Amino acid sequence: MTNSFVIRVPATSANIGPGFDVVGLSLSLYLTLTVTIEEASTSPVITYSGEGADEVPLDPYRNLMTRVALYVLRCNDHRTFPPGLSIHCHNQIPFGRGLGSSGAAVIAGVLLGDSLGKLTLSRERMLDYALMVERHPDNVTAALVGGFVGSYLRELDPQATEAAQVPLSEVLPEYPPDAGADWGLSPPVPPLGIGHYVRFKWNSSIKAVAIIPRFELSTAKARAVLPESYSRKDLVFNMQRLAVLTTALGQTPPDPELIFEAMKDRVHQPYRKNLIPGLPAVTSLITPDSHPGLLGICLSGAGPTILALATHNFDSIARKIQEIFQQEQIEVDWKILEWQEGAP
């Protein structure tokens, strides 16, 4: 008897201006898994299409999504994948562009492990597993629960803190070629309640124009340029705007003047401008006055994608940002994306 099911996880944009490592937004690009289990004794088979198809490892012990699934299974006393498993992945989320591709893979893996093991984990427990792999909650939380989300890592007791901070190499070990069936059977189980979250309201008339440069920027490189400490003035600047933004994006009608100012940032975007030529010009020259319908502009996650929130005039806004990037000899693609629910 053949059993099949589908898992669909959205892209996400983190930070949304002042909410560095705090807020995330799920968007209408998807990583979709079509999973089939047949009565056979074969090893897992992965096929892949779409974005990154020529880069993704198809070995289930090297692929991020299936390694996360195996981690979840083994934490719940399932030694391995069921026989006869095949997974086709179709991916719409560009790699290394600040649209949450790795977060989507991690959430897909958690959901896959939960489904294969018939674990019926709660959403909160799924988030614990995800946070053992992705140590920042903004993208994975938005991918899992959907919408416009704020999240934080709890202050745990010393024992739970130590458990939540084990090296990633212990959570997702690199399987050696000669690994036997008993290798890596006792992974570190996540403590309970690593992260908490809340969903904010979102005005459904607001869409996200994603301007996607044709180059990758790793999160590690984008984090490396950030300072070790910040002035009180800059932190207060961001906190003031974040406090306003999380309510302003849910109001009807949305207020362009309020939101444009509330999406400004002094914590991460100024330090990443040299990694993304054209970013300062985009954030300063394109305004609600010059382009009616625009609400605000920010870097999507670590970049290089630019996110422009707007209610109309999407094509004009996108073409102007494209023009600025072309002056820097950078080609871009752009998409009009909508707020989305999270993974089912």
Protein backbone atom coordinates (compact mmCIF):
# COMPACT_ATOMS: atom_id res chain seq x y z
CA MET A 1 0.00 0.00 0.00
CA THR A 2 1.34 3.44 -0.96
CA ASN A 3 1.14 6.36 1.45
CA SER A 4 1.75 9.89 0.23
CA PHE A 5 1.51 13.42 1.59
CA VAL A 6 2.67 16.96 0.80
CA ILE A 7 4.57 19.45 2.98
CA ARG A 8 4.71 23.11 1.92
CA VAL A 9 6.83 25.72 3.71
CA PRO A 10 6.90 29.44 2.80
CA ALA A 11 9.81 31.77 2.24
CA THR A 12 10.43 34.32 4.96
CA SER A 13 11.92 37.77 5.37
CA ALA A 14 13.54 38.60 8.70
CA ASN A 15 14.14 41.94 10.46
CA ILE A 16 11.74 44.14 8.38
CA GLY A 17 13.93 47.13 9.17
CA PRO A 18 14.40 47.68 12.92
CA GLY A 19 13.47 44.16 14.09
CA PHE A 20 16.93 42.59 13.87
CA ASP A 21 16.76 38.93 14.97
CA VAL A 22 13.27 39.62 16.33
CA VAL A 23 10.57 39.71 13.63
CA GLY A 24 9.86 37.70 10.51
CA LEU A 25 7.31 37.70 7.71
CA SER A 26 6.21 34.65 5.69
CA LEU A 27 5.94 35.21 1.93
CA SER A 28 4.38 33.48 -1.08
CA LEU A 29 7.34 31.47 -2.37
CA TYR A 30 7.50 27.84 -1.28
CA LEU A 31 9.59 24.77 -0.66
CA THR A 32 7.21 21.88 -1.43
CA LEU A 33 7.88 18.23 -0.58
CA THR A 34 5.88 15.45 -2.19
CA VAL A 35 6.52 12.41 -0.01
CA THR A 36 5.72 8.84 -0.98
CA ILE A 37 6.19 5.67 1.06
CA GLU A 38 5.81 2.38 -0.80
CA GLU A 39 5.99 -1.24 0.30
CA ALA A 40 9.61 -1.76 -0.63
CA SER A 41 12.94 -2.28 1.06
CA THR A 42 14.71 0.52 -0.79
CA SER A 43 16.76 3.30 0.78
CA PRO A 44 15.42 6.89 0.73
CA VAL A 45 15.45 8.61 -2.67
CA ILE A 46 15.47 12.41 -3.05
CA THR A 47 14.78 14.26 -6.28
CA TYR A 48 14.87 18.04 -6.61
CA SER A 49 13.65 20.71 -9.01
CA GLY A 50 13.54 24.49 -9.06
CA GLU A 51 15.90 26.93 -7.34
CA GLY A 52 19.20 25.34 -6.34
CA ALA A 53 18.50 22.03 -8.07
CA ASP A 54 22.12 21.79 -9.26
CA GLU A 55 23.53 22.55 -5.78
CA VAL A 56 21.51 20.48 -3.32
CA PRO A 57 22.93 17.14 -2.10
CA LEU A 58 20.56 14.27 -2.86
CA ASP A 59 22.14 11.91 -0.35
CA PRO A 60 19.66 11.79 2.60
CA TYR A 61 22.58 11.79 5.05
CA ARG A 62 23.99 15.01 3.56
CA ASN A 63 20.83 16.90 2.62
CA LEU A 64 19.87 19.49 5.28
CA MET A 65 16.15 18.74 5.17
CA THR A 66 16.48 14.97 5.58
CA ARG A 67 19.24 15.30 8.18
CA VAL A 68 16.86 17.43 10.28
CA ALA A 69 14.10 14.86 9.76
CA LEU A 70 16.41 12.07 10.92
CA TYR A 71 17.38 14.15 13.97
CA VAL A 72 13.70 14.50 14.93
CA LEU A 73 13.07 10.79 14.34
CA ARG A 74 16.05 9.64 16.40
CA CYS A 75 15.17 11.96 19.27
CA ASN A 76 11.85 10.10 19.37
CA ASP A 77 13.19 6.52 19.23
CA HIS A 78 12.95 5.94 15.48
CA ARG A 79 16.28 4.61 14.29
CA THR A 80 16.00 5.51 10.62
CA PHE A 81 13.76 6.45 7.72
CA PRO A 82 11.00 4.05 6.74
CA PRO A 83 11.83 1.77 3.79
CA GLY A 84 10.46 2.70 0.40
CA LEU A 85 10.67 6.46 1.09
CA SER A 86 10.92 8.87 -1.84
CA ILE A 87 10.83 12.67 -1.60
CA HIS A 88 10.49 15.10 -4.46
CA CYS A 89 11.40 18.68 -3.51
CA HIS A 90 10.30 21.61 -5.63
CA ASN A 91 11.85 24.86 -4.48
CA GLN A 92 10.86 28.44 -5.39
CA ILE A 93 13.07 30.13 -2.76
CA PRO A 94 16.42 31.46 -4.06
CA PHE A 95 19.48 30.39 -2.07
CA GLY A 96 21.62 32.94 -0.25
CA ARG A 97 19.35 35.90 -0.99
CA GLY A 98 17.84 36.68 2.42
CA LEU A 99 14.51 34.92 1.81
CA GLY A 100 14.84 32.16 4.38
CA SER A 101 15.85 29.21 2.19
CA SER A 102 17.73 27.42 4.97
CA GLY A 103 14.98 28.15 7.49
CA ALA A 104 12.43 26.65 5.10
CA ALA A 105 14.57 23.52 4.72
CA VAL A 106 14.85 23.16 8.50
CA ILE A 107 11.10 23.53 9.05
CA ALA A 108 10.42 21.11 6.18
CA GLY A 109 12.74 18.63 7.88
CA VAL A 110 11.01 18.97 11.24
CA LEU A 111 7.60 18.48 9.61
CA LEU A 112 8.90 15.52 7.62
CA GLY A 113 10.29 13.84 10.74
CA ASP A 114 7.04 14.46 12.59
CA SER A 115 4.97 12.95 9.75
CA LEU A 116 7.23 9.94 9.13
CA GLY A 117 7.34 9.08 12.82
CA LYS A 118 3.63 9.83 13.38
CA LEU A 119 4.78 11.92 16.33
CA THR A 120 2.00 14.58 16.35
CA LEU A 121 4.36 17.12 17.88
CA SER A 122 2.88 20.44 18.97
CA ARG A 123 3.88 23.53 17.03
CA GLU A 124 5.81 24.76 20.06
CA ARG A 125 7.75 21.49 20.25
CA MET A 126 8.49 21.62 16.53
CA LEU A 127 9.98 25.06 17.08
CA ASP A 128 12.29 23.58 19.75
CA TYR A 129 13.71 21.13 17.21
CA ALA A 130 14.12 23.87 14.61
CA LEU A 131 15.95 26.12 17.08
CA MET A 132 18.50 23.39 17.81
CA VAL A 133 19.58 23.81 14.17
CA GLU A 134 18.81 27.47 13.35
CA ARG A 135 19.83 29.38 16.46
CA HIS A 136 18.01 32.59 15.45
CA PRO A 137 14.22 32.34 15.79
CA ASP A 138 12.99 34.95 13.29
CA ASN A 139 12.95 32.97 10.01
CA VAL A 140 12.06 29.51 11.32
CA THR A 141 9.23 30.86 13.49
CA ALA A 142 7.68 32.78 10.59
CA ALA A 143 8.02 29.74 8.32
CA LEU A 144 6.35 27.49 10.88
CA VAL A 145 3.51 29.66 12.21
CA GLY A 146 3.07 32.10 9.31
CA GLY A 147 2.21 35.76 9.04
CA PHE A 148 4.04 38.64 10.70
CA VAL A 149 5.70 37.21 13.79
CA GLY A 150 7.80 38.39 16.72
CA SER A 151 9.91 35.85 18.59
CA TYR A 152 12.59 35.51 21.23
CA LEU A 153 14.80 32.88 22.86
CA ARG A 154 13.83 32.23 26.46
CA GLU A 155 16.25 32.46 29.35
CA LEU A 156 16.38 28.81 30.41
CA ASP A 157 17.77 27.24 33.56
CA PRO A 158 21.49 26.35 33.41
CA GLN A 159 20.93 22.70 32.47
CA ALA A 160 18.45 23.52 29.70
CA THR A 161 20.67 26.37 28.46
CA GLU A 162 23.57 23.96 28.10
CA ALA A 163 21.34 21.49 26.24
CA ALA A 164 20.08 24.17 23.84
CA GLN A 165 23.61 25.36 23.04
CA VAL A 166 25.31 22.10 22.11
CA PRO A 167 27.40 22.46 18.94
CA LEU A 168 25.53 22.06 15.68
CA SER A 169 28.00 19.29 14.81
CA GLU A 170 26.38 17.19 17.54
CA VAL A 171 22.82 18.00 16.45
CA LEU A 172 23.45 17.33 12.76
CA PRO A 173 26.67 15.31 12.59
CA GLU A 174 28.47 14.80 9.31
CA TYR A 175 27.86 11.16 8.49
CA PRO A 176 31.09 9.40 7.43
CA PRO A 177 30.93 7.17 4.34
CA ASP A 178 31.36 4.04 6.46
CA ALA A 179 28.71 4.98 9.06
CA GLY A 180 26.82 1.91 10.22
CA ALA A 181 23.19 1.59 11.23
CA ASP A 182 24.02 2.40 14.86
CA TRP A 183 26.07 5.54 14.15
CA GLY A 184 24.67 8.75 15.66
CA LEU A 185 21.70 7.11 17.34
CA SER A 186 21.69 9.32 20.45
CA PRO A 187 21.40 12.96 19.37
CA PRO A 188 20.92 15.76 21.94
CA VAL A 189 17.21 16.13 22.68
CA PRO A 190 16.07 19.78 22.75
CA PRO A 191 14.85 21.20 26.06
CA LEU A 192 11.25 22.35 26.26
CA GLY A 193 10.25 25.89 25.33
CA ILE A 194 13.44 27.26 23.77
CA GLY A 195 11.57 30.00 21.92
CA HIS A 196 8.35 31.95 22.31
CA TYR A 197 6.46 33.94 19.68
CA VAL A 198 3.46 36.13 18.97
CA ARG A 199 1.69 36.87 15.68
CA PHE A 200 1.04 40.51 14.88
CA LYS A 201 -1.82 41.76 12.74
CA TRP A 202 -1.10 42.41 9.07
CA ASN A 203 -3.13 44.57 6.70
CA SER A 204 -3.92 42.28 3.76
CA SER A 205 -3.67 45.15 1.25
CA ILE A 206 0.10 45.30 1.87
CA LYS A 207 2.27 43.33 -0.55
CA ALA A 208 6.02 42.85 -0.58
CA VAL A 209 7.99 43.73 -3.70
CA ALA A 210 11.11 41.56 -3.47
CA ILE A 211 14.04 42.87 -5.54
CA ILE A 212 16.46 39.93 -5.79
CA PRO A 213 20.02 40.68 -6.96
CA ARG A 214 21.70 37.95 -8.97
CA PHE A 215 24.40 37.25 -6.42
CA GLU A 216 24.46 35.36 -3.15
CA LEU A 217 25.39 36.74 0.25
CA SER A 218 25.94 34.27 3.07
CA THR A 219 24.44 35.03 6.47
CA ALA A 220 27.85 34.41 8.05
CA LYS A 221 29.50 37.06 5.88
CA ALA A 222 26.66 39.54 6.51
CA ARG A 223 26.93 38.99 10.28
CA ALA A 224 30.70 39.32 10.27
CA VAL A 225 30.50 43.03 9.42
CA LEU A 226 28.27 43.85 12.42
CA PRO A 227 29.84 45.51 15.47
CA GLU A 228 30.21 43.78 18.83
CA SER A 229 28.39 46.60 20.64
CA TYR A 230 26.03 49.50 19.89
CA SER A 231 25.39 52.92 21.33
CA ARG A 232 22.36 53.48 23.52
CA LYS A 233 21.17 56.07 21.01
CA ASP A 234 21.08 53.56 18.14
CA LEU A 235 19.38 50.87 20.21
CA VAL A 236 16.69 53.28 21.38
CA PHE A 237 16.24 54.44 17.77
CA ASN A 238 15.46 50.85 16.71
CA MET A 239 13.28 49.99 19.71
CA GLN A 240 11.14 53.08 19.20
CA ARG A 241 10.52 52.21 15.57
CA LEU A 242 9.91 48.52 16.18
CA ALA A 243 7.32 49.32 18.84
CA VAL A 244 5.42 51.41 16.28
CA LEU A 245 5.96 49.14 13.26
CA THR A 246 4.46 45.98 14.79
CA THR A 247 1.12 47.78 15.18
CA ALA A 248 1.28 50.10 12.15
CA LEU A 249 1.46 47.24 9.61
CA GLY A 250 -1.87 45.91 10.89
CA GLN A 251 -3.79 49.18 10.81
CA THR A 252 -6.43 50.16 8.23
CA PRO A 253 -5.61 52.10 6.19
CA PRO A 254 -1.82 51.77 6.48
CA ASP A 255 -0.08 55.11 7.11
CA PRO A 256 2.84 55.58 4.65
CA GLU A 257 4.51 58.39 6.61
CA LEU A 258 4.37 56.43 9.87
CA ILE A 259 5.54 53.11 8.38
CA PHE A 260 8.33 54.56 6.22
CA GLU A 261 9.99 56.14 9.25
CA ALA A 262 9.29 53.08 11.44
CA MET A 263 11.13 50.78 8.99
CA LYS A 264 14.43 52.63 9.38
CA ASP A 265 17.31 50.86 11.10
CA ARG A 266 20.66 51.61 12.71
CA VAL A 267 21.64 48.13 13.90
CA HIS A 268 22.38 46.09 10.79
CA GLN A 269 21.64 47.83 7.47
CA PRO A 270 24.24 50.63 7.77
CA TYR A 271 26.99 48.04 8.33
CA ARG A 272 25.95 45.91 5.36
CA LYS A 273 25.84 48.69 2.77
CA ASN A 274 29.30 47.86 1.39
CA LEU A 275 28.18 44.27 0.77
CA ILE A 276 25.17 45.42 -1.26
CA PRO A 277 26.03 48.25 -3.67
CA GLY A 278 22.99 50.42 -4.24
CA LEU A 279 21.42 49.80 -0.82
CA PRO A 280 21.96 53.36 0.53
CA ALA A 281 20.50 54.89 -2.64
CA VAL A 282 17.48 52.58 -2.58
CA THR A 283 16.63 53.35 1.05
CA SER A 284 17.08 57.12 0.69
CA LEU A 285 15.88 58.02 -2.84
CA ILE A 286 12.66 56.01 -3.04
CA THR A 287 9.98 57.40 -0.71
CA PRO A 288 6.17 57.47 -0.39
CA ASP A 289 6.32 61.00 -1.87
CA SER A 290 8.26 59.93 -4.96
CA HIS A 291 6.37 56.65 -5.36
CA PRO A 292 2.78 56.73 -4.03
CA GLY A 293 1.74 53.35 -2.68
CA LEU A 294 5.12 52.71 -1.08
CA LEU A 295 5.09 52.17 2.68
CA GLY A 296 8.69 51.31 3.49
CA ILE A 297 11.91 49.71 2.27
CA CYS A 298 14.32 47.40 4.05
CA LEU A 299 16.90 44.72 3.56
CA SER A 300 15.33 41.25 3.58
CA GLY A 301 17.13 39.29 6.26
CA ALA A 302 20.87 39.46 5.74
CA GLY A 303 20.33 40.45 2.11
CA PRO A 304 21.03 41.02 -0.68
CA THR A 305 17.28 41.07 -1.45
CA ILE A 306 15.50 44.38 -0.92
CA LEU A 307 11.92 44.30 0.35
CA ALA A 308 9.60 47.19 -0.49
CA LEU A 309 6.23 47.08 1.27
CA ALA A 310 3.48 48.75 -0.73
CA THR A 311 -0.26 48.83 -1.39
CA HIS A 312 -0.12 49.71 -5.10
CA ASN A 313 2.22 51.02 -7.83
CA PHE A 314 4.30 47.84 -7.45
CA ASP A 315 5.79 47.81 -10.96
CA SER A 316 6.97 51.42 -10.77
CA ILE A 317 8.63 50.86 -7.40
CA ALA A 318 10.35 47.69 -8.64
CA ARG A 319 11.60 49.32 -11.84
CA LYS A 320 13.13 52.26 -9.95
CA ILE A 321 15.00 49.94 -7.57
CA GLN A 322 16.11 47.87 -10.57
CA GLU A 323 17.43 51.04 -12.21
CA ILE A 324 19.49 51.92 -9.13
CA PHE A 325 21.05 48.45 -9.06
CA GLN A 326 21.81 48.58 -12.78
CA GLN A 327 23.80 51.76 -12.16
CA GLU A 328 25.96 49.58 -9.89
CA GLN A 329 26.26 46.95 -12.66
CA ILE A 330 24.02 44.54 -10.76
CA GLU A 331 21.22 42.66 -12.48
CA VAL A 332 18.13 41.83 -10.44
CA ASP A 333 14.90 39.88 -10.63
CA TRP A 334 11.77 41.01 -8.85
CA LYS A 335 8.59 39.41 -7.58
CA ILE A 336 5.40 40.71 -5.99
CA LEU A 337 4.78 38.55 -2.92
CA GLU A 338 1.96 38.30 -0.43
CA TRP A 339 1.72 37.62 3.27
CA GLN A 340 1.19 33.90 3.83
CA GLU A 341 0.15 31.42 6.45
CA GLY A 342 2.93 29.16 7.71
CA ALA A 343 3.53 25.48 7.10
CA PRO A 344 0.40 23.37 7.82
